[in-house]
């Protein structure tokens, strides 16, 4: 790849990148990508001494809502932010979640809810 970068101008490489056709992602790949992104979120909460567990149903919901046939997996981060991070941030600010808590994200009536056992 470094040889390609040395041989061609960035403008050309950007155009080729726009033209190259990739195989569409399948459901399993989207779920794996979603889990990888959620693992990063879980690690961030662990740094704040908050244990976050995300049930499989939540992963599947975010994977289906965060996937777009045109954009692929790019919207996943936005879905994670709107479905999980925003709500957890509000609960932290309101003092409902604090260091040392364990939070479980699960589906209830097709909505993501957070429980603190």
PDB file of N, CA and C in Angstrom:
ATOM      1  N   UNK A   1       0.820  -1.187   0.000  1.00  0.00           N
ATOM      2  CA  UNK A   1       0.000   0.000   0.000  1.00  0.00           C
ATOM      3  C   UNK A   1       0.871   1.260   0.000  1.00  0.00           C
ATOM      4  N   UNK A   2       2.000   1.190   0.669  1.00  0.00           N
ATOM      5  CA  UNK A   2       2.878   2.362   0.680  1.00  0.00           C
ATOM      6  C   UNK A   2       3.392   2.664  -0.726  1.00  0.00           C
ATOM      7  N   UNK A   3       3.626   1.630  -1.515  1.00  0.00           N
ATOM      8  CA  UNK A   3       4.059   1.836  -2.897  1.00  0.00           C
ATOM      9  C   UNK A   3       2.957   2.527  -3.702  1.00  0.00           C
ATOM     10  N   UNK A   4       1.728   2.141  -3.471  1.00  0.00           N
ATOM     11  CA  UNK A   4       0.599   2.774  -4.156  1.00  0.00           C
ATOM     12  C   UNK A   4       0.526   4.247  -3.782  1.00  0.00           C
ATOM     13  N   UNK A   5       0.691   4.542  -2.499  1.00  0.00           N
ATOM     14  CA  UNK A   5       0.636   5.938  -2.039  1.00  0.00           C
ATOM     15  C   UNK A   5       1.777   6.771  -2.623  1.00  0.00           C
ATOM     16  N   UNK A   6       2.932   6.144  -2.812  1.00  0.00           N
ATOM     17  CA  UNK A   6       4.062   6.862  -3.402  1.00  0.00           C
ATOM     18  C   UNK A   6       3.846   7.098  -4.894  1.00  0.00           C
ATOM     19  N   UNK A   7       3.142   6.176  -5.541  1.00  0.00           N
ATOM     20  CA  UNK A   7       2.979   6.231  -6.993  1.00  0.00           C
ATOM     21  C   UNK A   7       1.833   7.124  -7.455  1.00  0.00           C
ATOM     22  N   UNK A   8       0.790   7.254  -6.639  1.00  0.00           N
ATOM     23  CA  UNK A   8      -0.399   7.993  -7.058  1.00  0.00           C
ATOM     24  C   UNK A   8      -0.692   9.153  -6.119  1.00  0.00           C
ATOM     25  N   UNK A   9      -1.288  10.183  -6.688  1.00  0.00           N
ATOM     26  CA  UNK A   9      -1.657  11.361  -5.904  1.00  0.00           C
ATOM     27  C   UNK A   9      -2.861  11.039  -5.011  1.00  0.00           C
ATOM     28  N   UNK A  10      -2.972  11.701  -3.867  1.00  0.00           N
ATOM     29  CA  UNK A  10      -4.098  11.454  -2.951  1.00  0.00           C
ATOM     30  C   UNK A  10      -5.463  11.671  -3.606  1.00  0.00           C
ATOM     31  N   UNK A  11      -5.555  12.646  -4.498  1.00  0.00           N
ATOM     32  CA  UNK A  11      -6.827  12.919  -5.168  1.00  0.00           C
ATOM     33  C   UNK A  11      -7.294  11.706  -5.968  1.00  0.00           C
ATOM     34  N   UNK A  12      -6.352  11.072  -6.658  1.00  0.00           N
ATOM     35  CA  UNK A  12      -6.685   9.890  -7.445  1.00  0.00           C
ATOM     36  C   UNK A  12      -7.116   8.743  -6.533  1.00  0.00           C
ATOM     37  N   UNK A  13      -6.374   8.535  -5.467  1.00  0.00           N
ATOM     38  CA  UNK A  13      -6.708   7.448  -4.545  1.00  0.00           C
ATOM     39  C   UNK A  13      -8.083   7.656  -3.917  1.00  0.00           C
ATOM     40  N   UNK A  14      -8.440   8.903  -3.617  1.00  0.00           N
ATOM     41  CA  UNK A  14      -9.770   9.181  -3.069  1.00  0.00           C
ATOM     42  C   UNK A  14     -10.864   8.846  -4.075  1.00  0.00           C
ATOM     43  N   UNK A  15     -10.619   9.142  -5.348  1.00  0.00           N
ATOM     44  CA  UNK A  15     -11.617   8.819  -6.374  1.00  0.00           C
ATOM     45  C   UNK A  15     -11.765   7.312  -6.537  1.00  0.00           C
ATOM     46  N   UNK A  16     -10.662   6.609  -6.525  1.00  0.00           N
ATOM     47  CA  UNK A  16     -10.720   5.152  -6.632  1.00  0.00           C
ATOM     48  C   UNK A  16     -11.476   4.582  -5.436  1.00  0.00           C
ATOM     49  N   UNK A  17     -11.231   5.136  -4.273  1.00  0.00           N
ATOM     50  CA  UNK A  17     -11.910   4.678  -3.062  1.00  0.00           C
ATOM     51  C   UNK A  17     -13.420   4.848  -3.185  1.00  0.00           C
ATOM     52  N   UNK A  18     -13.858   5.906  -3.868  1.00  0.00           N
ATOM     53  CA  UNK A  18     -15.284   6.137  -4.057  1.00  0.00           C
ATOM     54  C   UNK A  18     -15.886   5.174  -5.073  1.00  0.00           C
ATOM     55  N   UNK A  19     -15.079   4.683  -5.997  1.00  0.00           N
ATOM     56  CA  UNK A  19     -15.575   3.848  -7.082  1.00  0.00           C
ATOM     57  C   UNK A  19     -15.538   2.361  -6.735  1.00  0.00           C
ATOM     58  N   UNK A  20     -14.581   1.947  -5.949  1.00  0.00           N
ATOM     59  CA  UNK A  20     -14.413   0.528  -5.647  1.00  0.00           C
ATOM     60  C   UNK A  20     -15.682  -0.013  -4.994  1.00  0.00           C
ATOM     61  N   UNK A  21     -16.138  -1.122  -5.499  1.00  0.00           N
ATOM     62  CA  UNK A  21     -17.355  -1.733  -4.978  1.00  0.00           C
ATOM     63  C   UNK A  21     -16.970  -2.824  -3.985  1.00  0.00           C
ATOM     64  N   UNK A  22     -17.543  -2.728  -2.812  1.00  0.00           N
ATOM     65  CA  UNK A  22     -17.288  -3.716  -1.772  1.00  0.00           C
ATOM     66  C   UNK A  22     -18.495  -4.629  -1.650  1.00  0.00           C
ATOM     67  N   UNK A  23     -18.254  -5.838  -1.184  1.00  0.00           N
ATOM     68  CA  UNK A  23     -19.365  -6.735  -0.910  1.00  0.00           C
ATOM     69  C   UNK A  23     -20.153  -6.183   0.270  1.00  0.00           C
ATOM     70  N   UNK A  24     -21.470  -6.241   0.201  1.00  0.00           N
ATOM     71  CA  UNK A  24     -22.260  -5.713   1.312  1.00  0.00           C
ATOM     72  C   UNK A  24     -22.040  -6.528   2.585  1.00  0.00           C
ATOM     73  N   UNK A  25     -22.130  -5.839   3.705  1.00  0.00           N
ATOM     74  CA  UNK A  25     -21.979  -6.510   4.991  1.00  0.00           C
ATOM     75  C   UNK A  25     -23.231  -7.315   5.303  1.00  0.00           C
ATOM     76  N   UNK A  26     -23.026  -8.486   5.878  1.00  0.00           N
ATOM     77  CA  UNK A  26     -24.144  -9.312   6.299  1.00  0.00           C
ATOM     78  C   UNK A  26     -24.514  -9.023   7.743  1.00  0.00           C
ATOM     79  N   UNK A  27     -25.594  -9.634   8.184  1.00  0.00           N
ATOM     80  CA  UNK A  27     -26.090  -9.411   9.546  1.00  0.00           C
ATOM     81  C   UNK A  27     -25.038  -9.780  10.586  1.00  0.00           C
ATOM     82  N   UNK A  28     -24.358 -10.886  10.390  1.00  0.00           N
ATOM     83  CA  UNK A  28     -23.347 -11.328  11.361  1.00  0.00           C
ATOM     84  C   UNK A  28     -22.188 -10.340  11.461  1.00  0.00           C
ATOM     85  N   UNK A  29     -21.761  -9.809  10.320  1.00  0.00           N
ATOM     86  CA  UNK A  29     -20.670  -8.825  10.345  1.00  0.00           C
ATOM     87  C   UNK A  29     -21.096  -7.549  11.071  1.00  0.00           C
ATOM     88  N   UNK A  30     -22.325  -7.119  10.823  1.00  0.00           N
ATOM     89  CA  UNK A  30     -22.833  -5.913  11.491  1.00  0.00           C
ATOM     90  C   UNK A  30     -22.900  -6.133  12.998  1.00  0.00           C
ATOM     91  N   UNK A  31     -23.344  -7.301  13.419  1.00  0.00           N
ATOM     92  CA  UNK A  31     -23.416  -7.601  14.856  1.00  0.00           C
ATOM     93  C   UNK A  31     -22.016  -7.615  15.463  1.00  0.00           C
ATOM     94  N   UNK A  32     -21.046  -8.185  14.752  1.00  0.00           N
ATOM     95  CA  UNK A  32     -19.667  -8.198  15.263  1.00  0.00           C
ATOM     96  C   UNK A  32     -19.105  -6.786  15.381  1.00  0.00           C
ATOM     97  N   UNK A  33     -19.364  -5.960  14.376  1.00  0.00           N
ATOM     98  CA  UNK A  33     -18.887  -4.574  14.420  1.00  0.00           C
ATOM     99  C   UNK A  33     -19.555  -3.825  15.572  1.00  0.00           C
ATOM    100  N   UNK A  34     -20.850  -4.058  15.743  1.00  0.00           N
ATOM    101  CA  UNK A  34     -21.578  -3.421  16.848  1.00  0.00           C
ATOM    102  C   UNK A  34     -20.973  -3.828  18.181  1.00  0.00           C
ATOM    103  N   UNK A  35     -20.692  -5.115  18.344  1.00  0.00           N
ATOM    104  CA  UNK A  35     -20.116  -5.591  19.607  1.00  0.00           C
ATOM    105  C   UNK A  35     -18.741  -4.972  19.844  1.00  0.00           C
ATOM    106  N   UNK A  36     -17.946  -4.848  18.791  1.00  0.00           N
ATOM    107  CA  UNK A  36     -16.631  -4.205  18.934  1.00  0.00           C
ATOM    108  C   UNK A  36     -16.772  -2.757  19.394  1.00  0.00           C
ATOM    109  N   UNK A  37     -17.717  -2.038  18.810  1.00  0.00           N
ATOM    110  CA  UNK A  37     -17.939  -0.648  19.213  1.00  0.00           C
ATOM    111  C   UNK A  37     -18.451  -0.571  20.652  1.00  0.00           C
ATOM    112  N   UNK A  38     -19.328  -1.487  21.016  1.00  0.00           N
ATOM    113  CA  UNK A  38     -19.844  -1.499  22.388  1.00  0.00           C
ATOM    114  C   UNK A  38     -18.763  -1.890  23.387  1.00  0.00           C
ATOM    115  N   UNK A  39     -17.840  -2.742  22.979  1.00  0.00           N
ATOM    116  CA  UNK A  39     -16.720  -3.099  23.864  1.00  0.00           C
ATOM    117  C   UNK A  39     -15.891  -1.869  24.213  1.00  0.00           C
ATOM    118  N   UNK A  40     -15.752  -0.952  23.259  1.00  0.00           N
ATOM    119  CA  UNK A  40     -15.032   0.300  23.536  1.00  0.00           C
ATOM    120  C   UNK A  40     -15.797   1.144  24.553  1.00  0.00           C
ATOM    121  N   UNK A  41     -17.116   1.180  24.417  1.00  0.00           N
ATOM    122  CA  UNK A  41     -17.953   1.924  25.369  1.00  0.00           C
ATOM    123  C   UNK A  41     -17.842   1.303  26.755  1.00  0.00           C
ATOM    124  N   UNK A  42     -17.907  -0.020  26.811  1.00  0.00           N
ATOM    125  CA  UNK A  42     -17.803  -0.736  28.088  1.00  0.00           C
ATOM    126  C   UNK A  42     -16.468  -0.426  28.753  1.00  0.00           C
ATOM    127  N   UNK A  43     -15.401  -0.386  27.962  1.00  0.00           N
ATOM    128  CA  UNK A  43     -14.070  -0.072  28.511  1.00  0.00           C
ATOM    129  C   UNK A  43     -14.024   1.351  29.055  1.00  0.00           C
ATOM    130  N   UNK A  44     -14.667   2.286  28.364  1.00  0.00           N
ATOM    131  CA  UNK A  44     -14.699   3.672  28.855  1.00  0.00           C
ATOM    132  C   UNK A  44     -15.429   3.768  30.190  1.00  0.00           C
ATOM    133  N   UNK A  45     -16.518   3.043  30.332  1.00  0.00           N
ATOM    134  CA  UNK A  45     -17.247   3.065  31.601  1.00  0.00           C
ATOM    135  C   UNK A  45     -16.453   2.376  32.700  1.00  0.00           C
ATOM    136  N   UNK A  46     -15.714   1.345  32.328  1.00  0.00           N
ATOM    137  CA  UNK A  46     -14.884   0.652  33.316  1.00  0.00           C
ATOM    138  C   UNK A  46     -13.843   1.601  33.900  1.00  0.00           C
ATOM    139  N   UNK A  47     -13.300   2.494  33.071  1.00  0.00           N
ATOM    140  CA  UNK A  47     -12.346   3.499  33.557  1.00  0.00           C
ATOM    141  C   UNK A  47     -12.986   4.408  34.603  1.00  0.00           C
ATOM    142  N   UNK A  48     -14.300   4.590  34.503  1.00  0.00           N
ATOM    143  CA  UNK A  48     -15.041   5.423  35.464  1.00  0.00           C
ATOM    144  C   UNK A  48     -15.599   4.580  36.615  1.00  0.00           C
ATOM    145  N   UNK A  49     -15.140   3.320  36.687  1.00  0.00           N
ATOM    146  CA  UNK A  49     -15.553   2.376  37.727  1.00  0.00           C
ATOM    147  C   UNK A  49     -17.046   2.059  37.664  1.00  0.00           C
ATOM    148  N   UNK A  50     -17.576   2.040  36.449  1.00  0.00           N
ATOM    149  CA  UNK A  50     -18.962   1.638  36.219  1.00  0.00           C
ATOM    150  C   UNK A  50     -18.925   0.406  35.326  1.00  0.00           C
ATOM    151  N   UNK A  51     -19.549  -0.669  35.797  1.00  0.00           N
ATOM    152  CA  UNK A  51     -19.592  -1.902  35.023  1.00  0.00           C
ATOM    153  C   UNK A  51     -20.837  -1.871  34.143  1.00  0.00           C
ATOM    154  N   UNK A  52     -20.638  -1.949  32.847  1.00  0.00           N
ATOM    155  CA  UNK A  52     -21.746  -1.935  31.898  1.00  0.00           C
ATOM    156  C   UNK A  52     -21.820  -3.286  31.212  1.00  0.00           C
ATOM    157  N   UNK A  53     -22.996  -3.895  31.280  1.00  0.00           N
ATOM    158  CA  UNK A  53     -23.243  -5.151  30.579  1.00  0.00           C
ATOM    159  C   UNK A  53     -24.352  -4.890  29.571  1.00  0.00           C
ATOM    160  N   UNK A  54     -24.142  -5.340  28.348  1.00  0.00           N
ATOM    161  CA  UNK A  54     -25.119  -5.118  27.284  1.00  0.00           C
ATOM    162  C   UNK A  54     -25.632  -6.477  26.819  1.00  0.00           C
ATOM    163  N   UNK A  55     -26.937  -6.697  26.983  1.00  0.00           N
ATOM    164  CA  UNK A  55     -27.537  -7.961  26.565  1.00  0.00           C
ATOM    165  C   UNK A  55     -27.510  -8.112  25.047  1.00  0.00           C
ATOM    166  N   UNK A  56     -27.587  -9.363  24.613  1.00  0.00           N
ATOM    167  CA  UNK A  56     -27.518  -9.679  23.187  1.00  0.00           C
ATOM    168  C   UNK A  56     -28.634  -8.993  22.398  1.00  0.00           C
ATOM    169  N   UNK A  57     -29.817  -8.914  22.977  1.00  0.00           N
ATOM    170  CA  UNK A  57     -30.937  -8.262  22.293  1.00  0.00           C
ATOM    171  C   UNK A  57     -30.658  -6.803  21.987  1.00  0.00           C
ATOM    172  N   UNK A  58     -29.970  -6.133  22.900  1.00  0.00           N
ATOM    173  CA  UNK A  58     -29.608  -4.727  22.698  1.00  0.00           C
ATOM    174  C   UNK A  58     -28.605  -4.613  21.554  1.00  0.00           C
ATOM    175  N   UNK A  59     -27.638  -5.520  21.531  1.00  0.00           N
ATOM    176  CA  UNK A  59     -26.640  -5.516  20.452  1.00  0.00           C
ATOM    177  C   UNK A  59     -27.346  -5.681  19.107  1.00  0.00           C
ATOM    178  N   UNK A  60     -28.280  -6.611  19.032  1.00  0.00           N
ATOM    179  CA  UNK A  60     -28.994  -6.858  17.782  1.00  0.00           C
ATOM    180  C   UNK A  60     -29.860  -5.664  17.382  1.00  0.00           C
ATOM    181  N   UNK A  61     -30.497  -5.023  18.351  1.00  0.00           N
ATOM    182  CA  UNK A  61     -31.323  -3.843  18.057  1.00  0.00           C
ATOM    183  C   UNK A  61     -30.459  -2.712  17.501  1.00  0.00           C
ATOM    184  N   UNK A  62     -29.342  -2.446  18.152  1.00  0.00           N
ATOM    185  CA  UNK A  62     -28.458  -1.376  17.678  1.00  0.00           C
ATOM    186  C   UNK A  62     -27.884  -1.731  16.313  1.00  0.00           C
ATOM    187  N   UNK A  63     -27.545  -2.997  16.115  1.00  0.00           N
ATOM    188  CA  UNK A  63     -27.006  -3.428  14.822  1.00  0.00           C
ATOM    189  C   UNK A  63     -28.020  -3.196  13.711  1.00  0.00           C
ATOM    190  N   UNK A  64     -29.281  -3.511  13.965  1.00  0.00           N
ATOM    191  CA  UNK A  64     -30.290  -3.330  12.916  1.00  0.00           C
ATOM    192  C   UNK A  64     -30.622  -1.856  12.702  1.00  0.00           C
ATOM    193  N   UNK A  65     -30.651  -1.065  13.769  1.00  0.00           N
ATOM    194  CA  UNK A  65     -30.972   0.357  13.631  1.00  0.00           C
ATOM    195  C   UNK A  65     -29.778   1.168  13.125  1.00  0.00           C
ATOM    196  N   UNK A  66     -28.570   0.687  13.404  1.00  0.00           N
ATOM    197  CA  UNK A  66     -27.380   1.439  13.030  1.00  0.00           C
ATOM    198  C   UNK A  66     -26.782   1.038  11.706  1.00  0.00           C
ATOM    199  N   UNK A  67     -27.467   0.171  10.980  1.00  0.00           N
ATOM    200  CA  UNK A  67     -26.959  -0.264   9.680  1.00  0.00           C
ATOM    201  C   UNK A  67     -27.773   0.389   8.577  1.00  0.00           C
ATOM    202  N   UNK A  68     -27.077   0.826   7.555  1.00  0.00           N
ATOM    203  CA  UNK A  68     -27.728   1.419   6.397  1.00  0.00           C
ATOM    204  C   UNK A  68     -27.122   0.765   5.161  1.00  0.00           C
ATOM    205  N   UNK A  69     -27.954   0.248   4.245  1.00  0.00           N
ATOM    206  CA  UNK A  69     -27.404  -0.428   3.064  1.00  0.00           C
ATOM    207  C   UNK A  69     -26.450   0.448   2.248  1.00  0.00           C
ATOM    208  N   UNK A  70     -26.682   1.747   2.242  1.00  0.00           N
ATOM    209  CA  UNK A  70     -25.820   2.648   1.474  1.00  0.00           C
ATOM    210  C   UNK A  70     -24.539   2.958   2.235  1.00  0.00           C
ATOM    211  N   UNK A  71     -24.658   3.270   3.516  1.00  0.00           N
ATOM    212  CA  UNK A  71     -23.514   3.697   4.321  1.00  0.00           C
ATOM    213  C   UNK A  71     -22.864   2.556   5.083  1.00  0.00           C
ATOM    214  N   UNK A  72     -23.434   1.375   5.049  1.00  0.00           N
ATOM    215  CA  UNK A  72     -22.843   0.238   5.763  1.00  0.00           C
ATOM    216  C   UNK A  72     -22.930   0.417   7.262  1.00  0.00           C
ATOM    217  N   UNK A  73     -21.802   0.207   7.934  1.00  0.00           N
ATOM    218  CA  UNK A  73     -21.766   0.256   9.397  1.00  0.00           C
ATOM    219  C   UNK A  73     -21.447   1.649   9.934  1.00  0.00           C
ATOM    220  N   UNK A  74     -21.262   2.618   9.059  1.00  0.00           N
ATOM    221  CA  UNK A  74     -20.883   3.963   9.522  1.00  0.00           C
ATOM    222  C   UNK A  74     -21.858   4.561  10.534  1.00  0.00           C
ATOM    223  N   UNK A  75     -23.175   4.387  10.374  1.00  0.00           N
ATOM    224  CA  UNK A  75     -24.111   4.994  11.335  1.00  0.00           C
ATOM    225  C   UNK A  75     -24.155   4.303  12.704  1.00  0.00           C
ATOM    226  N   UNK A  76     -23.405   3.226  12.893  1.00  0.00           N
ATOM    227  CA  UNK A  76     -23.453   2.497  14.168  1.00  0.00           C
ATOM    228  C   UNK A  76     -23.073   3.367  15.361  1.00  0.00           C
ATOM    229  N   UNK A  77     -22.037   4.152  15.221  1.00  0.00           N
ATOM    230  CA  UNK A  77     -21.609   4.993  16.344  1.00  0.00           C
ATOM    231  C   UNK A  77     -22.709   5.972  16.740  1.00  0.00           C
ATOM    232  N   UNK A  78     -23.402   6.505  15.757  1.00  0.00           N
ATOM    233  CA  UNK A  78     -24.503   7.420  16.042  1.00  0.00           C
ATOM    234  C   UNK A  78     -25.618   6.686  16.787  1.00  0.00           C
ATOM    235  N   UNK A  79     -25.916   5.463  16.369  1.00  0.00           N
ATOM    236  CA  UNK A  79     -26.956   4.677  17.036  1.00  0.00           C
ATOM    237  C   UNK A  79     -26.550   4.357  18.473  1.00  0.00           C
ATOM    238  N   UNK A  80     -25.291   4.019  18.680  1.00  0.00           N
ATOM    239  CA  UNK A  80     -24.804   3.736  20.037  1.00  0.00           C
ATOM    240  C   UNK A  80     -24.898   4.990  20.892  1.00  0.00           C
ATOM    241  N   UNK A  81     -24.541   6.112  20.320  1.00  0.00           N
ATOM    242  CA  UNK A  81     -24.608   7.367  21.078  1.00  0.00           C
ATOM    243  C   UNK A  81     -26.048   7.690  21.466  1.00  0.00           C
ATOM    244  N   UNK A  82     -26.960   7.597  20.495  1.00  0.00           N
ATOM    245  CA  UNK A  82     -28.338   7.992  20.786  1.00  0.00           C
ATOM    246  C   UNK A  82     -29.072   6.970  21.643  1.00  0.00           C
ATOM    247  N   UNK A  83     -28.790   5.691  21.459  1.00  0.00           N
ATOM    248  CA  UNK A  83     -29.514   4.649  22.193  1.00  0.00           C
ATOM    249  C   UNK A  83     -28.931   4.347  23.571  1.00  0.00           C
ATOM    250  N   UNK A  84     -27.621   4.524  23.732  1.00  0.00           N
ATOM    251  CA  UNK A  84     -26.986   4.132  24.992  1.00  0.00           C
ATOM    252  C   UNK A  84     -26.294   5.299  25.682  1.00  0.00           C
ATOM    253  N   UNK A  85     -25.355   5.921  25.001  1.00  0.00           N
ATOM    254  CA  UNK A  85     -24.520   6.930  25.658  1.00  0.00           C
ATOM    255  C   UNK A  85     -25.308   8.132  26.169  1.00  0.00           C
ATOM    256  N   UNK A  86     -26.236   8.642  25.362  1.00  0.00           N
ATOM    257  CA  UNK A  86     -26.998   9.814  25.794  1.00  0.00           C
ATOM    258  C   UNK A  86     -27.800   9.525  27.060  1.00  0.00           C
ATOM    259  N   UNK A  87     -28.466   8.390  27.089  1.00  0.00           N
ATOM    260  CA  UNK A  87     -29.281   8.039  28.257  1.00  0.00           C
ATOM    261  C   UNK A  87     -28.413   7.796  29.485  1.00  0.00           C
ATOM    262  N   UNK A  88     -27.319   7.073  29.306  1.00  0.00           N
ATOM    263  CA  UNK A  88     -26.434   6.829  30.451  1.00  0.00           C
ATOM    264  C   UNK A  88     -25.824   8.129  30.962  1.00  0.00           C
ATOM    265  N   UNK A  89     -25.480   9.026  30.058  1.00  0.00           N
ATOM    266  CA  UNK A  89     -24.928  10.319  30.474  1.00  0.00           C
ATOM    267  C   UNK A  89     -25.937  11.087  31.323  1.00  0.00           C
ATOM    268  N   UNK A  90     -27.198  11.075  30.902  1.00  0.00           N
ATOM    269  CA  UNK A  90     -28.236  11.757  31.685  1.00  0.00           C
ATOM    270  C   UNK A  90     -28.364  11.141  33.078  1.00  0.00           C
ATOM    271  N   UNK A  91     -28.332   9.820  33.146  1.00  0.00           N
ATOM    272  CA  UNK A  91     -28.465   9.157  34.443  1.00  0.00           C
ATOM    273  C   UNK A  91     -27.256   9.427  35.334  1.00  0.00           C
ATOM    274  N   UNK A  92     -26.084   9.561  34.745  1.00  0.00           N
ATOM    275  CA  UNK A  92     -24.887   9.891  35.530  1.00  0.00           C
ATOM    276  C   UNK A  92     -24.996  11.320  36.058  1.00  0.00           C
ATOM    277  N   UNK A  93     -25.398  12.247  35.192  1.00  0.00           N
ATOM    278  CA  UNK A  93     -25.538  13.649  35.598  1.00  0.00           C
ATOM    279  C   UNK A  93     -26.589  13.785  36.705  1.00  0.00           C
ATOM    280  N   UNK A  94     -27.671  13.022  36.595  1.00  0.00           N
ATOM    281  CA  UNK A  94     -28.746  13.084  37.592  1.00  0.00           C
ATOM    282  C   UNK A  94     -28.411  12.319  38.867  1.00  0.00           C
ATOM    283  N   UNK A  95     -27.269  11.632  38.887  1.00  0.00           N
ATOM    284  CA  UNK A  95     -26.850  10.908  40.077  1.00  0.00           C
ATOM    285  C   UNK A  95     -27.469   9.532  40.242  1.00  0.00           C
ATOM    286  N   UNK A  96     -28.178   9.064  39.221  1.00  0.00           N
ATOM    287  CA  UNK A  96     -28.787   7.736  39.285  1.00  0.00           C
ATOM    288  C   UNK A  96     -27.744   6.635  39.106  1.00  0.00           C
ATOM    289  N   UNK A  97     -26.674   6.952  38.377  1.00  0.00           N
ATOM    290  CA  UNK A  97     -25.566   6.017  38.175  1.00  0.00           C
ATOM    291  C   UNK A  97     -24.310   6.689  38.686  1.00  0.00           C
ATOM    292  N   UNK A  98     -23.544   5.947  39.493  1.00  0.00           N
ATOM    293  CA  UNK A  98     -22.291   6.499  40.028  1.00  0.00           C
ATOM    294  C   UNK A  98     -21.213   5.425  40.048  1.00  0.00           C
ATOM    295  N   UNK A  99     -19.993   5.837  40.348  1.00  0.00           N
ATOM    296  CA  UNK A  99     -18.864   4.900  40.396  1.00  0.00           C
ATOM    297  C   UNK A  99     -19.210   3.737  41.309  1.00  0.00           C
ATOM    298  N   UNK A 100     -18.836   2.553  40.871  1.00  0.00           N
ATOM    299  CA  UNK A 100     -19.098   1.341  41.639  1.00  0.00           C
ATOM    300  C   UNK A 100     -20.378   0.633  41.230  1.00  0.00           C
ATOM    301  N   UNK A 101     -21.223   1.289  40.438  1.00  0.00           N
ATOM    302  CA  UNK A 101     -22.485   0.681  40.017  1.00  0.00           C
ATOM    303  C   UNK A 101     -22.267  -0.308  38.877  1.00  0.00           C
ATOM    304  N   UNK A 102     -23.186  -1.262  38.808  1.00  0.00           N
ATOM    305  CA  UNK A 102     -23.250  -2.191  37.686  1.00  0.00           C
ATOM    306  C   UNK A 102     -24.536  -1.858  36.944  1.00  0.00           C
ATOM    307  N   UNK A 103     -24.420  -1.624  35.646  1.00  0.00           N
ATOM    308  CA  UNK A 103     -25.569  -1.247  34.828  1.00  0.00           C
ATOM    309  C   UNK A 103     -25.760  -2.315  33.760  1.00  0.00           C
ATOM    310  N   UNK A 104     -27.003  -2.756  33.615  1.00  0.00           N
ATOM    311  CA  UNK A 104     -27.318  -3.755  32.597  1.00  0.00           C
ATOM    312  C   UNK A 104     -28.258  -3.117  31.583  1.00  0.00           C
ATOM    313  N   UNK A 105     -27.836  -3.117  30.319  1.00  0.00           N
ATOM    314  CA  UNK A 105     -28.688  -2.626  29.232  1.00  0.00           C
ATOM    315  C   UNK A 105     -29.422  -3.825  28.655  1.00  0.00           C
ATOM    316  N   UNK A 106     -30.752  -3.738  28.651  1.00  0.00           N
ATOM    317  CA  UNK A 106     -31.547  -4.847  28.114  1.00  0.00           C
ATOM    318  C   UNK A 106     -32.760  -4.301  27.388  1.00  0.00           C
ATOM    319  N   UNK A 107     -33.402  -5.174  26.630  1.00  0.00           N
ATOM    320  CA  UNK A 107     -34.606  -4.784  25.907  1.00  0.00           C
ATOM    321  C   UNK A 107     -35.838  -5.062  26.754  1.00  0.00           C
ATOM    322  N   UNK A 108     -36.749  -4.102  26.743  1.00  0.00           N
ATOM    323  CA  UNK A 108     -38.031  -4.271  27.414  1.00  0.00           C
ATOM    324  C   UNK A 108     -39.063  -3.597  26.521  1.00  0.00           C
ATOM    325  N   UNK A 109     -39.998  -4.379  26.001  1.00  0.00           N
ATOM    326  CA  UNK A 109     -41.002  -3.860  25.060  1.00  0.00           C
ATOM    327  C   UNK A 109     -40.340  -3.152  23.875  1.00  0.00           C
ATOM    328  N   UNK A 110     -39.315  -3.767  23.336  1.00  0.00           N
ATOM    329  CA  UNK A 110     -38.568  -3.265  22.171  1.00  0.00           C
ATOM    330  C   UNK A 110     -37.833  -1.954  22.428  1.00  0.00           C
ATOM    331  N   UNK A 111     -37.683  -1.577  23.682  1.00  0.00           N
ATOM    332  CA  UNK A 111     -36.925  -0.373  24.046  1.00  0.00           C
ATOM    333  C   UNK A 111     -35.735  -0.778  24.900  1.00  0.00           C
ATOM    334  N   UNK A 112     -34.668  -0.001  24.808  1.00  0.00           N
ATOM    335  CA  UNK A 112     -33.492  -0.264  25.631  1.00  0.00           C
ATOM    336  C   UNK A 112     -33.704   0.400  26.981  1.00  0.00           C
ATOM    337  N   UNK A 113     -33.588  -0.402  28.027  1.00  0.00           N
ATOM    338  CA  UNK A 113     -33.706   0.110  29.393  1.00  0.00           C
ATOM    339  C   UNK A 113     -32.431  -0.242  30.140  1.00  0.00           C
ATOM    340  N   UNK A 114     -32.167   0.514  31.193  1.00  0.00           N
ATOM    341  CA  UNK A 114     -30.965   0.310  31.990  1.00  0.00           C
ATOM    342  C   UNK A 114     -31.375  -0.031  33.413  1.00  0.00           C
ATOM    343  N   UNK A 115     -30.857  -1.146  33.889  1.00  0.00           N
ATOM    344  CA  UNK A 115     -31.162  -1.580  35.245  1.00  0.00           C
ATOM    345  C   UNK A 115     -29.897  -1.556  36.078  1.00  0.00           C
ATOM    346  N   UNK A 116     -30.056  -1.147  37.325  1.00  0.00           N
ATOM    347  CA  UNK A 116     -28.954  -1.173  38.281  1.00  0.00           C
ATOM    348  C   UNK A 116     -29.357  -2.164  39.364  1.00  0.00           C
ATOM    349  N   UNK A 117     -28.823  -3.397  39.286  1.00  0.00           N
ATOM    350  CA  UNK A 117     -29.228  -4.420  40.272  1.00  0.00           C
ATOM    351  C   UNK A 117     -28.763  -4.098  41.685  1.00  0.00           C
TER     352      UNK A 117
END
